Amino acid sequence: MGIQDILEGKKQWRAHMARVKALPPDYQIAYKEIQKYFFKVGPVDLPDGTLLSGIVDFFEEGVAADKGVLELIGNDVAAFCDDLVKDSRTYADIYQESVSRKPGTAGK
């Protein structure tokens, strides 16, 4: 990864976060909780994918339709997140696999 890639990534992230900051406060709180959840146990391809920007798109549509954030995601943020990544490999899956291996079988 070159310096140009890093700079471009930062530029994209700042633009993404500007979109988040333009959302109403309750949407921003929900987004930050979703982001925190995904950064802990989320999909392995999170940095390469469009999941977070897709959530912002979804939230912007909700704002335009004059819906509350809980109408969109429900009361359980974790359940909402789990449903989004149910078919994706997550860091939690990798950890579970590592502790499930028999001793002495690492890398096999």
N, C-alpha and C. Protein backbone atom coordinates (compact mmCIF):
# COMPACT_ATOMS: atom_id res chain seq x y z
N MET A 1 0.84 -1.17 0.00
CA MET A 1 0.00 0.00 0.00
C MET A 1 0.89 1.23 0.00
N GLY A 2 0.74 2.05 -1.00
CA GLY A 2 1.55 3.25 -1.12
C GLY A 2 0.93 4.43 -0.40
N ILE A 3 1.67 5.50 -0.37
CA ILE A 3 1.21 6.72 0.31
C ILE A 3 -0.05 7.28 -0.34
N GLN A 4 -0.14 7.17 -1.66
CA GLN A 4 -1.32 7.67 -2.37
C GLN A 4 -2.57 6.89 -1.95
N ASP A 5 -2.41 5.57 -1.76
CA ASP A 5 -3.54 4.74 -1.33
C ASP A 5 -3.99 5.14 0.07
N ILE A 6 -3.03 5.41 0.94
CA ILE A 6 -3.36 5.81 2.30
C ILE A 6 -4.09 7.15 2.31
N LEU A 7 -3.57 8.09 1.53
CA LEU A 7 -4.21 9.41 1.46
C LEU A 7 -5.61 9.33 0.88
N GLU A 8 -5.77 8.52 -0.15
CA GLU A 8 -7.10 8.35 -0.76
C GLU A 8 -8.05 7.70 0.23
N GLY A 9 -7.58 6.72 0.98
CA GLY A 9 -8.40 6.07 1.99
C GLY A 9 -8.85 7.05 3.07
N LYS A 10 -7.95 7.90 3.50
CA LYS A 10 -8.30 8.91 4.51
C LYS A 10 -9.32 9.90 3.95
N LYS A 11 -9.14 10.28 2.71
CA LYS A 11 -10.06 11.22 2.07
C LYS A 11 -11.46 10.60 2.00
N GLN A 12 -11.54 9.33 1.61
CA GLN A 12 -12.83 8.65 1.54
C GLN A 12 -13.47 8.52 2.92
N TRP A 13 -12.64 8.19 3.92
CA TRP A 13 -13.17 8.03 5.28
C TRP A 13 -13.71 9.36 5.81
N ARG A 14 -12.99 10.44 5.55
CA ARG A 14 -13.46 11.76 6.00
C ARG A 14 -14.78 12.14 5.32
N ALA A 15 -14.91 11.84 4.04
CA ALA A 15 -16.16 12.12 3.34
C ALA A 15 -17.29 11.27 3.91
N HIS A 16 -16.97 10.02 4.22
CA HIS A 16 -17.96 9.12 4.81
C HIS A 16 -18.43 9.67 6.16
N MET A 17 -17.49 10.07 7.01
CA MET A 17 -17.84 10.58 8.33
C MET A 17 -18.58 11.92 8.24
N ALA A 18 -18.32 12.70 7.21
CA ALA A 18 -19.07 13.95 7.01
C ALA A 18 -20.54 13.63 6.73
N ARG A 19 -20.78 12.56 5.99
CA ARG A 19 -22.17 12.13 5.74
C ARG A 19 -22.84 11.69 7.04
N VAL A 20 -22.09 10.99 7.88
CA VAL A 20 -22.63 10.55 9.17
C VAL A 20 -22.98 11.76 10.03
N LYS A 21 -22.09 12.75 10.07
CA LYS A 21 -22.33 13.94 10.89
C LYS A 21 -23.50 14.78 10.39
N ALA A 22 -23.89 14.60 9.14
CA ALA A 22 -25.03 15.33 8.59
C ALA A 22 -26.36 14.68 8.99
N LEU A 23 -26.31 13.48 9.54
CA LEU A 23 -27.52 12.79 9.98
C LEU A 23 -28.04 13.40 11.28
N PRO A 24 -29.34 13.20 11.58
CA PRO A 24 -29.87 13.65 12.88
C PRO A 24 -29.15 12.94 14.03
N PRO A 25 -29.16 13.53 15.22
CA PRO A 25 -28.43 12.97 16.36
C PRO A 25 -28.76 11.51 16.69
N ASP A 26 -30.03 11.13 16.64
CA ASP A 26 -30.36 9.74 16.98
C ASP A 26 -29.79 8.77 15.96
N TYR A 27 -29.76 9.16 14.72
CA TYR A 27 -29.14 8.33 13.68
C TYR A 27 -27.62 8.23 13.89
N GLN A 28 -27.00 9.34 14.28
CA GLN A 28 -25.56 9.33 14.54
C GLN A 28 -25.22 8.38 15.68
N ILE A 29 -26.01 8.39 16.74
CA ILE A 29 -25.78 7.50 17.87
C ILE A 29 -25.90 6.05 17.42
N ALA A 30 -26.94 5.74 16.67
CA ALA A 30 -27.14 4.37 16.18
C ALA A 30 -25.99 3.96 15.27
N TYR A 31 -25.58 4.86 14.38
CA TYR A 31 -24.46 4.54 13.48
C TYR A 31 -23.19 4.23 14.27
N LYS A 32 -22.89 5.05 15.27
CA LYS A 32 -21.67 4.84 16.05
C LYS A 32 -21.71 3.51 16.80
N GLU A 33 -22.88 3.11 17.28
CA GLU A 33 -23.01 1.82 17.95
C GLU A 33 -22.83 0.67 16.96
N ILE A 34 -23.39 0.82 15.77
CA ILE A 34 -23.22 -0.19 14.72
C ILE A 34 -21.75 -0.29 14.33
N GLN A 35 -21.12 0.84 14.14
CA GLN A 35 -19.71 0.88 13.77
C GLN A 35 -18.86 0.21 14.85
N LYS A 36 -19.12 0.53 16.10
CA LYS A 36 -18.38 -0.05 17.22
C LYS A 36 -18.55 -1.57 17.23
N TYR A 37 -19.77 -2.03 17.01
CA TYR A 37 -20.06 -3.46 16.99
C TYR A 37 -19.29 -4.15 15.86
N PHE A 38 -19.34 -3.56 14.67
CA PHE A 38 -18.65 -4.17 13.53
C PHE A 38 -17.14 -4.15 13.70
N PHE A 39 -16.59 -3.13 14.31
CA PHE A 39 -15.15 -3.08 14.51
C PHE A 39 -14.69 -4.13 15.51
N LYS A 40 -15.59 -4.57 16.39
CA LYS A 40 -15.22 -5.61 17.36
C LYS A 40 -15.40 -7.01 16.80
N VAL A 41 -16.55 -7.28 16.21
CA VAL A 41 -16.84 -8.66 15.78
C VAL A 41 -17.29 -8.75 14.33
N GLY A 42 -17.20 -7.67 13.62
CA GLY A 42 -17.76 -7.60 12.29
C GLY A 42 -17.07 -8.44 11.25
N PRO A 43 -17.52 -8.31 10.03
CA PRO A 43 -16.99 -9.12 8.93
C PRO A 43 -15.53 -8.81 8.64
N VAL A 44 -14.82 -9.84 8.23
CA VAL A 44 -13.40 -9.73 7.93
C VAL A 44 -13.17 -8.74 6.79
N ASP A 45 -14.09 -8.70 5.84
CA ASP A 45 -13.92 -7.82 4.68
C ASP A 45 -14.50 -6.42 4.90
N LEU A 46 -14.73 -6.03 6.14
CA LEU A 46 -15.29 -4.71 6.44
C LEU A 46 -14.50 -3.57 5.83
N PRO A 47 -13.16 -3.55 5.95
CA PRO A 47 -12.42 -2.43 5.37
C PRO A 47 -12.52 -2.35 3.84
N ASP A 48 -12.72 -3.49 3.19
CA ASP A 48 -12.76 -3.51 1.73
C ASP A 48 -14.17 -3.36 1.17
N GLY A 49 -15.15 -3.58 2.00
CA GLY A 49 -16.53 -3.62 1.53
C GLY A 49 -17.23 -2.28 1.59
N THR A 50 -18.51 -2.34 1.32
CA THR A 50 -19.33 -1.13 1.29
C THR A 50 -20.41 -1.17 2.37
N LEU A 51 -20.21 -2.00 3.37
CA LEU A 51 -21.22 -2.18 4.40
C LEU A 51 -21.53 -0.88 5.14
N LEU A 52 -20.52 -0.20 5.64
CA LEU A 52 -20.76 1.02 6.41
C LEU A 52 -21.36 2.13 5.56
N SER A 53 -20.89 2.29 4.33
CA SER A 53 -21.48 3.33 3.48
C SER A 53 -22.91 2.94 3.09
N GLY A 54 -23.18 1.66 2.97
CA GLY A 54 -24.54 1.21 2.71
C GLY A 54 -25.48 1.52 3.85
N ILE A 55 -24.97 1.43 5.07
CA ILE A 55 -25.78 1.78 6.24
C ILE A 55 -26.09 3.28 6.23
N VAL A 56 -25.10 4.08 5.88
CA VAL A 56 -25.34 5.53 5.79
C VAL A 56 -26.38 5.82 4.70
N ASP A 57 -26.29 5.14 3.56
CA ASP A 57 -27.31 5.30 2.51
C ASP A 57 -28.70 4.96 3.06
N PHE A 58 -28.79 3.84 3.76
CA PHE A 58 -30.04 3.37 4.35
C PHE A 58 -30.58 4.40 5.34
N PHE A 59 -29.70 4.95 6.17
CA PHE A 59 -30.11 5.97 7.14
C PHE A 59 -30.56 7.25 6.45
N GLU A 60 -29.85 7.65 5.40
CA GLU A 60 -30.26 8.86 4.67
C GLU A 60 -31.64 8.69 4.06
N GLU A 61 -31.94 7.50 3.56
CA GLU A 61 -33.27 7.21 3.02
C GLU A 61 -34.32 7.27 4.13
N GLY A 62 -33.96 6.77 5.32
CA GLY A 62 -34.87 6.83 6.46
C GLY A 62 -35.18 8.25 6.88
N VAL A 63 -34.15 9.08 6.88
CA VAL A 63 -34.34 10.50 7.22
C VAL A 63 -35.25 11.15 6.19
N ALA A 64 -35.01 10.86 4.91
CA ALA A 64 -35.82 11.45 3.84
C ALA A 64 -37.29 11.00 3.95
N ALA A 65 -37.51 9.79 4.44
CA ALA A 65 -38.87 9.27 4.60
C ALA A 65 -39.47 9.67 5.95
N ASP A 66 -38.73 10.48 6.72
CA ASP A 66 -39.17 10.98 8.02
C ASP A 66 -39.46 9.84 9.00
N LYS A 67 -38.59 8.85 9.01
CA LYS A 67 -38.72 7.73 9.94
C LYS A 67 -37.68 7.86 11.04
N GLY A 68 -38.02 7.37 12.20
CA GLY A 68 -37.07 7.32 13.31
C GLY A 68 -36.09 6.18 13.08
N VAL A 69 -34.93 6.29 13.65
CA VAL A 69 -33.90 5.27 13.44
C VAL A 69 -34.35 3.91 13.97
N LEU A 70 -35.08 3.90 15.08
CA LEU A 70 -35.53 2.62 15.64
C LEU A 70 -36.58 1.95 14.77
N GLU A 71 -37.29 2.73 13.97
CA GLU A 71 -38.22 2.14 13.00
C GLU A 71 -37.45 1.35 11.94
N LEU A 72 -36.24 1.79 11.65
CA LEU A 72 -35.43 1.14 10.62
C LEU A 72 -34.67 -0.08 11.16
N ILE A 73 -34.06 0.07 12.31
CA ILE A 73 -33.17 -1.00 12.80
C ILE A 73 -33.75 -1.82 13.93
N GLY A 74 -34.80 -1.35 14.57
CA GLY A 74 -35.36 -2.05 15.72
C GLY A 74 -34.64 -1.64 17.00
N ASN A 75 -35.02 -2.26 18.10
CA ASN A 75 -34.46 -1.90 19.40
C ASN A 75 -33.14 -2.58 19.71
N ASP A 76 -32.80 -3.64 18.98
CA ASP A 76 -31.58 -4.40 19.27
C ASP A 76 -30.55 -4.18 18.17
N VAL A 77 -29.57 -3.33 18.46
CA VAL A 77 -28.55 -3.00 17.47
C VAL A 77 -27.74 -4.23 17.09
N ALA A 78 -27.39 -5.04 18.07
CA ALA A 78 -26.58 -6.24 17.80
C ALA A 78 -27.32 -7.20 16.87
N ALA A 79 -28.61 -7.39 17.09
CA ALA A 79 -29.40 -8.28 16.23
C ALA A 79 -29.45 -7.73 14.80
N PHE A 80 -29.60 -6.41 14.68
CA PHE A 80 -29.60 -5.77 13.36
C PHE A 80 -28.27 -6.03 12.65
N CYS A 81 -27.18 -5.83 13.38
CA CYS A 81 -25.84 -6.04 12.81
C CYS A 81 -25.62 -7.50 12.43
N ASP A 82 -25.99 -8.40 13.33
CA ASP A 82 -25.82 -9.83 13.05
C ASP A 82 -26.59 -10.25 11.82
N ASP A 83 -27.77 -9.69 11.63
CA ASP A 83 -28.57 -10.03 10.46
C ASP A 83 -27.90 -9.54 9.18
N LEU A 84 -27.24 -8.39 9.25
CA LEU A 84 -26.56 -7.85 8.07
C LEU A 84 -25.38 -8.71 7.62
N VAL A 85 -24.70 -9.33 8.57
CA VAL A 85 -23.48 -10.07 8.24
C VAL A 85 -23.64 -11.58 8.46
N LYS A 86 -24.87 -12.05 8.47
CA LYS A 86 -25.09 -13.47 8.80
C LYS A 86 -24.41 -14.43 7.84
N ASP A 87 -24.17 -14.04 6.61
CA ASP A 87 -23.53 -14.91 5.64
C ASP A 87 -22.06 -14.58 5.42
N SER A 88 -21.51 -13.68 6.23
CA SER A 88 -20.11 -13.26 6.09
C SER A 88 -19.26 -13.88 7.19
N ARG A 89 -18.01 -14.09 6.87
CA ARG A 89 -17.05 -14.58 7.86
C ARG A 89 -16.67 -13.40 8.76
N THR A 90 -16.75 -13.60 10.07
CA THR A 90 -16.47 -12.53 11.01
C THR A 90 -15.23 -12.83 11.84
N TYR A 91 -14.73 -11.80 12.51
CA TYR A 91 -13.60 -11.98 13.41
C TYR A 91 -13.99 -12.92 14.56
N ALA A 92 -15.25 -12.86 14.96
CA ALA A 92 -15.72 -13.76 16.01
C ALA A 92 -15.64 -15.21 15.55
N ASP A 93 -15.95 -15.48 14.28
CA ASP A 93 -15.83 -16.83 13.72
C ASP A 93 -14.39 -17.30 13.75
N ILE A 94 -13.48 -16.44 13.36
CA ILE A 94 -12.06 -16.79 13.35
C ILE A 94 -11.58 -17.11 14.76
N TYR A 95 -11.99 -16.30 15.72
CA TYR A 95 -11.60 -16.55 17.10
C TYR A 95 -12.18 -17.88 17.58
N GLN A 96 -13.44 -18.12 17.30
CA GLN A 96 -14.07 -19.37 17.72
C GLN A 96 -13.36 -20.57 17.12
N GLU A 97 -12.98 -20.48 15.85
CA GLU A 97 -12.25 -21.57 15.21
C GLU A 97 -10.90 -21.79 15.88
N SER A 98 -10.24 -20.70 16.26
CA SER A 98 -8.91 -20.84 16.87
C SER A 98 -8.98 -21.50 18.24
N VAL A 99 -10.01 -21.23 19.01
CA VAL A 99 -10.11 -21.86 20.33
C VAL A 99 -10.70 -23.26 20.24
N SER A 100 -11.33 -23.60 19.12
CA SER A 100 -11.92 -24.92 18.95
C SER A 100 -10.92 -25.96 18.45
N ARG A 101 -9.80 -25.49 17.89
CA ARG A 101 -8.80 -26.43 17.38
C ARG A 101 -8.19 -27.25 18.51
N LYS A 102 -7.80 -28.43 18.17
CA LYS A 102 -7.10 -29.27 19.13
C LYS A 102 -5.69 -28.73 19.30
N PRO A 103 -5.13 -28.85 20.49
CA PRO A 103 -3.75 -28.38 20.70
C PRO A 103 -2.79 -29.07 19.75
N GLY A 104 -1.86 -28.29 19.19
CA GLY A 104 -0.86 -28.84 18.29
C GLY A 104 -1.30 -28.94 16.85
N THR A 105 -2.50 -28.40 16.52
CA THR A 105 -2.97 -28.48 15.12
C THR A 105 -3.02 -27.10 14.48
N ALA A 106 -2.35 -26.15 15.02
CA ALA A 106 -2.38 -24.79 14.47
C ALA A 106 -1.91 -24.80 13.02
N GLY A 107 -2.67 -24.11 12.19
CA GLY A 107 -2.28 -23.96 10.78
C GLY A 107 -2.63 -25.15 9.92
N LYS A 108 -3.27 -26.15 10.46
CA LYS A 108 -3.63 -27.31 9.66
C LYS A 108 -5.03 -27.24 9.18
